[in-house]
Amino acid sequence: MYLGILAGMEITQAQYERIVHCLPLQRGNVSLSNLNVLNAILYVAEHGCKW
């Protein structure tokens, strides 16, 4: 699921395939992929998060 809000630092599917073996396995009933979570972390790292 791509939300269209990420710009700048974003990992593509091809890049993700190269690092997926370094990430924990996805288990259980999850609604977000590890790729989406990783891209969200990069978004906050680049743009910050104002509360």
Protein backbone atom coordinates (compact mmCIF):
# COMPACT_ATOMS: atom_id res chain seq x y z
CA MET A 1 0.00 0.00 0.00
CA TYR A 2 1.61 3.25 -1.15
CA LEU A 3 0.16 6.36 0.45
CA GLY A 4 1.72 8.82 -1.98
CA ILE A 5 3.09 11.05 0.78
CA LEU A 6 6.66 9.83 0.74
CA ALA A 7 9.18 11.77 -1.26
CA GLY A 8 12.93 11.90 -1.18
CA MET A 9 14.20 9.01 0.91
CA GLU A 10 12.18 6.01 -0.13
CA ILE A 11 13.21 2.40 -0.63
CA THR A 12 12.04 0.81 -3.86
CA GLN A 13 10.88 -2.79 -4.11
CA ALA A 14 14.17 -3.73 -5.82
CA GLN A 15 16.21 -2.16 -2.99
CA TYR A 16 14.00 -3.84 -0.41
CA GLU A 17 14.62 -7.26 -1.97
CA ARG A 18 18.35 -6.73 -1.41
CA ILE A 19 17.96 -6.09 2.35
CA VAL A 20 14.91 -8.19 3.26
CA HIS A 21 17.11 -10.98 4.64
CA CYS A 22 18.40 -8.55 7.31
CA LEU A 23 14.92 -7.78 8.66
CA PRO A 24 12.82 -9.89 11.04
CA LEU A 25 10.23 -12.15 9.44
CA GLN A 26 6.73 -10.76 9.25
CA ARG A 27 4.39 -12.87 11.37
CA GLY A 28 0.79 -12.85 12.43
CA ASN A 29 -2.00 -10.64 11.24
CA VAL A 30 -0.23 -7.46 10.13
CA SER A 31 -1.71 -4.66 8.06
CA LEU A 32 1.56 -3.04 6.93
CA SER A 33 4.50 -4.58 5.15
CA ASN A 34 8.04 -4.19 6.44
CA LEU A 35 8.73 -2.09 3.34
CA ASN A 36 6.00 0.40 4.27
CA VAL A 37 7.20 0.61 7.87
CA LEU A 38 10.78 1.16 6.73
CA ASN A 39 9.71 3.91 4.34
CA ALA A 40 7.71 5.57 7.13
CA ILE A 41 10.79 5.55 9.38
CA LEU A 42 12.84 7.14 6.58
CA TYR A 43 10.14 9.78 6.09
CA VAL A 44 10.27 10.79 9.77
CA ALA A 45 14.08 10.76 9.70
CA GLU A 46 14.11 13.11 6.71
CA HIS A 47 11.18 15.42 7.53
CA GLY A 48 10.82 15.17 11.30
CA CYS A 49 7.53 14.72 13.09
CA LYS A 50 5.79 17.74 14.60
CA TRP A 51 3.35 16.97 17.40
